[in-house]
Amino acid sequence: METSKANGNGASLRLAFKIAADFGITLAVPAVVAALVGVRLDARFGTRPWLLVLCLIIAFALTGLWIVQKAKRYKALYEKI
């Protein structure tokens, strides 16, 4: 970390923890929800494992988009520090 970016009050460190938590949640929650929904749909319609796979593919695609959006937003925040 550059000394010009480190302003002494830990803003960079707080932002780093915020980013790590936000990205972790953004990665985990859609995958878990998609898995639960996919398993239930497969059980209901007898299509095991196809709806689970479809739900996971959709979740991973959406997660990728959300991560890119958040990365751009956090880049702008970091540049303000």
C-alpha atoms as a PDB file:
ATOM      1  CA  MET A   1       0.000   0.000   0.000  1.00  0.00           C
ATOM      2  CA  GLU A   2       1.327   3.411  -0.906  1.00  0.00           C
ATOM      3  CA  THR A   3       1.781   5.914   1.874  1.00  0.00           C
ATOM      4  CA  SER A   4      -0.238   8.456  -0.099  1.00  0.00           C
ATOM      5  CA  LYS A   5      -3.190   6.068  -0.055  1.00  0.00           C
ATOM      6  CA  ALA A   6      -2.791   5.189   3.625  1.00  0.00           C
ATOM      7  CA  ASN A   7      -4.355   8.095   5.433  1.00  0.00           C
ATOM      8  CA  GLY A   8      -3.766   6.829   8.947  1.00  0.00           C
ATOM      9  CA  ASN A   9      -7.349   6.088   9.910  1.00  0.00           C
ATOM     10  CA  GLY A  10      -7.512   2.628   8.356  1.00  0.00           C
ATOM     11  CA  ALA A  11      -9.891   3.542   5.541  1.00  0.00           C
ATOM     12  CA  SER A  12      -8.091   1.258   3.094  1.00  0.00           C
ATOM     13  CA  LEU A  13      -8.189  -1.666   5.505  1.00  0.00           C
ATOM     14  CA  ARG A  14     -11.885  -1.157   6.252  1.00  0.00           C
ATOM     15  CA  LEU A  15     -12.620  -1.013   2.539  1.00  0.00           C
ATOM     16  CA  ALA A  16     -10.637  -4.224   1.998  1.00  0.00           C
ATOM     17  CA  PHE A  17     -12.660  -6.069   4.655  1.00  0.00           C
ATOM     18  CA  LYS A  18     -15.897  -4.680   3.231  1.00  0.00           C
ATOM     19  CA  ILE A  19     -14.934  -5.865  -0.253  1.00  0.00           C
ATOM     20  CA  ALA A  20     -13.944  -9.326   0.995  1.00  0.00           C
ATOM     21  CA  ALA A  21     -17.208  -9.759   2.888  1.00  0.00           C
ATOM     22  CA  ASP A  22     -19.325  -8.418   0.046  1.00  0.00           C
ATOM     23  CA  PHE A  23     -17.643 -10.586  -2.585  1.00  0.00           C
ATOM     24  CA  GLY A  24     -17.858 -13.644  -0.333  1.00  0.00           C
ATOM     25  CA  ILE A  25     -21.577 -13.164   0.170  1.00  0.00           C
ATOM     26  CA  THR A  26     -22.069 -12.417  -3.519  1.00  0.00           C
ATOM     27  CA  LEU A  27     -20.368 -15.696  -4.427  1.00  0.00           C
ATOM     28  CA  ALA A  28     -21.938 -17.947  -1.796  1.00  0.00           C
ATOM     29  CA  VAL A  29     -25.577 -16.884  -1.549  1.00  0.00           C
ATOM     30  CA  PRO A  30     -26.616 -17.309  -5.204  1.00  0.00           C
ATOM     31  CA  ALA A  31     -24.936 -20.723  -5.396  1.00  0.00           C
ATOM     32  CA  VAL A  32     -26.647 -21.975  -2.236  1.00  0.00           C
ATOM     33  CA  VAL A  33     -30.044 -20.585  -3.247  1.00  0.00           C
ATOM     34  CA  ALA A  34     -29.707 -22.028  -6.757  1.00  0.00           C
ATOM     35  CA  ALA A  35     -28.769 -25.428  -5.344  1.00  0.00           C
ATOM     36  CA  LEU A  36     -31.738 -25.471  -2.974  1.00  0.00           C
ATOM     37  CA  VAL A  37     -34.168 -24.321  -5.666  1.00  0.00           C
ATOM     38  CA  GLY A  38     -32.736 -26.749  -8.225  1.00  0.00           C
ATOM     39  CA  VAL A  39     -32.973 -29.737  -5.893  1.00  0.00           C
ATOM     40  CA  ARG A  40     -36.584 -28.895  -5.016  1.00  0.00           C
ATOM     41  CA  LEU A  41     -37.554 -28.410  -8.648  1.00  0.00           C
ATOM     42  CA  ASP A  42     -35.867 -31.678  -9.628  1.00  0.00           C
ATOM     43  CA  ALA A  43     -37.713 -33.506  -6.847  1.00  0.00           C
ATOM     44  CA  ARG A  44     -41.022 -31.980  -7.907  1.00  0.00           C
ATOM     45  CA  PHE A  45     -40.689 -32.606 -11.640  1.00  0.00           C
ATOM     46  CA  GLY A  46     -38.488 -35.733 -11.597  1.00  0.00           C
ATOM     47  CA  THR A  47     -35.804 -34.172 -13.775  1.00  0.00           C
ATOM     48  CA  ARG A  48     -32.839 -34.896 -11.545  1.00  0.00           C
ATOM     49  CA  PRO A  49     -30.182 -33.339 -11.977  1.00  0.00           C
ATOM     50  CA  TRP A  50     -31.061 -31.117 -14.937  1.00  0.00           C
ATOM     51  CA  LEU A  51     -32.902 -28.299 -13.186  1.00  0.00           C
ATOM     52  CA  LEU A  52     -30.207 -28.188 -10.502  1.00  0.00           C
ATOM     53  CA  VAL A  53     -27.559 -27.796 -13.189  1.00  0.00           C
ATOM     54  CA  LEU A  54     -29.608 -25.140 -14.984  1.00  0.00           C
ATOM     55  CA  CYS A  55     -30.158 -23.168 -11.759  1.00  0.00           C
ATOM     56  CA  LEU A  56     -26.446 -23.320 -10.936  1.00  0.00           C
ATOM     57  CA  ILE A  57     -25.452 -22.141 -14.421  1.00  0.00           C
ATOM     58  CA  ILE A  58     -27.845 -19.193 -14.133  1.00  0.00           C
ATOM     59  CA  ALA A  59     -26.553 -18.388 -10.638  1.00  0.00           C
ATOM     60  CA  PHE A  60     -22.915 -18.491 -11.758  1.00  0.00           C
ATOM     61  CA  ALA A  61     -23.624 -16.249 -14.754  1.00  0.00           C
ATOM     62  CA  LEU A  62     -25.466 -13.708 -12.597  1.00  0.00           C
ATOM     63  CA  THR A  63     -22.741 -13.878  -9.961  1.00  0.00           C
ATOM     64  CA  GLY A  64     -20.127 -13.066 -12.586  1.00  0.00           C
ATOM     65  CA  LEU A  65     -22.078 -10.005 -13.685  1.00  0.00           C
ATOM     66  CA  TRP A  66     -22.582  -8.838 -10.101  1.00  0.00           C
ATOM     67  CA  ILE A  67     -18.891  -9.288  -9.256  1.00  0.00           C
ATOM     68  CA  VAL A  68     -17.854  -7.180 -12.260  1.00  0.00           C
ATOM     69  CA  GLN A  69     -20.312  -4.425 -11.286  1.00  0.00           C
ATOM     70  CA  LYS A  70     -19.145  -4.447  -7.672  1.00  0.00           C
ATOM     71  CA  ALA A  71     -15.481  -4.448  -8.692  1.00  0.00           C
ATOM     72  CA  LYS A  72     -16.027  -1.309 -10.756  1.00  0.00           C
ATOM     73  CA  ARG A  73     -17.879   0.352  -7.882  1.00  0.00           C
ATOM     74  CA  TYR A  74     -15.181  -0.562  -5.346  1.00  0.00           C
ATOM     75  CA  LYS A  75     -12.445   0.616  -7.711  1.00  0.00           C
ATOM     76  CA  ALA A  76     -14.056   4.057  -7.732  1.00  0.00           C
ATOM     77  CA  LEU A  77     -14.329   4.023  -3.931  1.00  0.00           C
ATOM     78  CA  TYR A  78     -10.685   3.015  -3.557  1.00  0.00           C
ATOM     79  CA  GLU A  79      -9.539   5.812  -5.822  1.00  0.00           C
ATOM     80  CA  LYS A  80     -11.317   8.322  -3.559  1.00  0.00           C
ATOM     81  CA  ILE A  81      -9.353   7.186  -0.502  1.00  0.00           C
END
